[in-house]
Amino acid sequence: MRVRVLFFGVLKDLAGRSSEDAEFADGADLRAVLNTGTGYETPKPEDGT
């Protein structure tokens, strides 16, 4: 499936563009998009120790 990620506000400034197209497997969910190495990795919680 082809998706277009749209950037707004601060994210648009940080990304340096307003959108990006990407290709994912059919049935992919948001977690799959965030964890594909596209630069949208989900932040890991900090270790409180």
N, C-alpha and C. Protein backbone atom coordinates (compact mmCIF):
# COMPACT_ATOMS: atom_id res chain seq x y z
N MET A 1 0.85 -1.17 0.00
CA MET A 1 0.00 0.00 0.00
C MET A 1 0.89 1.23 0.00
N ARG A 2 0.48 2.21 -0.74
CA ARG A 2 1.23 3.47 -0.81
C ARG A 2 0.54 4.48 0.10
N VAL A 3 1.35 5.15 0.90
CA VAL A 3 0.81 6.18 1.80
C VAL A 3 1.59 7.47 1.61
N ARG A 4 0.95 8.55 1.92
CA ARG A 4 1.61 9.85 1.91
C ARG A 4 1.56 10.38 3.33
N VAL A 5 2.74 10.61 3.91
CA VAL A 5 2.85 11.17 5.25
C VAL A 5 2.92 12.67 5.09
N LEU A 6 2.01 13.38 5.78
CA LEU A 6 1.98 14.83 5.71
C LEU A 6 2.57 15.41 6.99
N PHE A 7 3.43 16.39 6.83
CA PHE A 7 4.06 17.06 7.97
C PHE A 7 3.44 18.45 8.13
N PHE A 8 3.15 18.83 9.37
CA PHE A 8 2.58 20.14 9.67
C PHE A 8 3.37 20.80 10.79
N GLY A 9 3.35 22.11 10.82
CA GLY A 9 3.94 22.87 11.92
C GLY A 9 5.42 22.59 12.11
N VAL A 10 5.78 22.30 13.34
CA VAL A 10 7.18 22.06 13.70
C VAL A 10 7.73 20.85 12.97
N LEU A 11 6.92 19.81 12.80
CA LEU A 11 7.41 18.62 12.09
C LEU A 11 7.77 18.95 10.65
N LYS A 12 7.01 19.82 10.02
CA LYS A 12 7.32 20.25 8.66
C LYS A 12 8.67 20.97 8.64
N ASP A 13 8.90 21.83 9.63
CA ASP A 13 10.18 22.53 9.73
C ASP A 13 11.33 21.56 9.96
N LEU A 14 11.13 20.60 10.85
CA LEU A 14 12.18 19.63 11.16
C LEU A 14 12.48 18.71 9.97
N ALA A 15 11.43 18.29 9.27
CA ALA A 15 11.61 17.38 8.14
C ALA A 15 12.14 18.11 6.91
N GLY A 16 11.90 19.41 6.84
CA GLY A 16 12.34 20.18 5.70
C GLY A 16 11.50 19.96 4.44
N ARG A 17 10.32 19.39 4.61
CA ARG A 17 9.40 19.15 3.49
C ARG A 17 7.99 19.03 4.05
N SER A 18 7.00 19.11 3.18
CA SER A 18 5.62 19.07 3.65
C SER A 18 5.01 17.67 3.58
N SER A 19 5.62 16.76 2.80
CA SER A 19 5.07 15.41 2.71
C SER A 19 6.15 14.43 2.24
N GLU A 20 5.83 13.17 2.38
CA GLU A 20 6.72 12.10 1.92
C GLU A 20 5.87 10.90 1.55
N ASP A 21 6.15 10.28 0.41
CA ASP A 21 5.44 9.08 -0.01
C ASP A 21 6.23 7.85 0.43
N ALA A 22 5.53 6.80 0.81
CA ALA A 22 6.19 5.56 1.23
C ALA A 22 5.34 4.37 0.81
N GLU A 23 5.97 3.22 0.70
CA GLU A 23 5.29 1.98 0.31
C GLU A 23 5.37 1.00 1.47
N PHE A 24 4.22 0.39 1.83
CA PHE A 24 4.16 -0.57 2.93
C PHE A 24 3.34 -1.77 2.51
N ALA A 25 3.53 -2.86 3.23
CA ALA A 25 2.77 -4.08 2.95
C ALA A 25 1.29 -3.84 3.22
N ASP A 26 0.43 -4.52 2.46
CA ASP A 26 -1.01 -4.42 2.70
C ASP A 26 -1.32 -4.81 4.14
N GLY A 27 -2.17 -4.06 4.79
CA GLY A 27 -2.56 -4.35 6.15
C GLY A 27 -1.62 -3.77 7.20
N ALA A 28 -0.59 -3.04 6.77
CA ALA A 28 0.35 -2.46 7.74
C ALA A 28 -0.39 -1.45 8.62
N ASP A 29 -0.02 -1.43 9.89
CA ASP A 29 -0.63 -0.47 10.81
C ASP A 29 0.38 0.65 11.10
N LEU A 30 -0.02 1.59 11.92
CA LEU A 30 0.84 2.73 12.22
C LEU A 30 2.15 2.29 12.85
N ARG A 31 2.12 1.29 13.70
CA ARG A 31 3.35 0.80 14.33
C ARG A 31 4.33 0.30 13.27
N ALA A 32 3.84 -0.38 12.25
CA ALA A 32 4.70 -0.86 11.17
C ALA A 32 5.33 0.33 10.44
N VAL A 33 4.55 1.37 10.23
CA VAL A 33 5.08 2.57 9.56
C VAL A 33 6.17 3.20 10.42
N LEU A 34 5.93 3.31 11.71
CA LEU A 34 6.88 3.97 12.60
C LEU A 34 8.16 3.16 12.81
N ASN A 35 8.11 1.87 12.61
CA ASN A 35 9.27 1.01 12.90
C ASN A 35 9.95 0.45 11.66
N THR A 36 9.81 1.10 10.53
CA THR A 36 10.40 0.58 9.29
C THR A 36 11.77 1.17 8.99
N GLY A 37 12.31 1.99 9.85
CA GLY A 37 13.59 2.61 9.57
C GLY A 37 13.47 3.82 8.68
N THR A 38 12.28 4.38 8.55
CA THR A 38 12.06 5.55 7.71
C THR A 38 12.40 6.84 8.44
N GLY A 39 12.82 6.75 9.68
CA GLY A 39 13.11 7.95 10.46
C GLY A 39 11.97 8.35 11.36
N TYR A 40 10.89 7.56 11.37
CA TYR A 40 9.73 7.85 12.21
C TYR A 40 9.66 6.92 13.41
N GLU A 41 10.78 6.44 13.88
CA GLU A 41 10.79 5.46 14.96
C GLU A 41 10.03 5.98 16.18
N THR A 42 9.33 5.07 16.83
CA THR A 42 8.63 5.44 18.05
C THR A 42 9.66 5.63 19.16
N PRO A 43 9.51 6.68 19.96
CA PRO A 43 10.47 6.89 21.04
C PRO A 43 10.36 5.81 22.10
N LYS A 44 11.48 5.41 22.62
CA LYS A 44 11.49 4.42 23.69
C LYS A 44 11.47 5.14 25.02
N PRO A 45 10.68 4.64 25.98
CA PRO A 45 10.64 5.31 27.28
C PRO A 45 12.00 5.27 27.95
N GLU A 46 12.33 6.34 28.64
CA GLU A 46 13.61 6.41 29.33
C GLU A 46 13.58 5.47 30.53
N ASP A 47 14.72 4.86 30.79
CA ASP A 47 14.86 3.98 31.94
C ASP A 47 14.97 4.84 33.20
N GLY A 48 14.08 4.64 34.14
CA GLY A 48 14.04 5.45 35.35
C GLY A 48 15.09 5.10 36.38
N THR A 49 16.01 4.19 36.05
CA THR A 49 17.02 3.80 37.05
C THR A 49 18.25 4.63 36.95
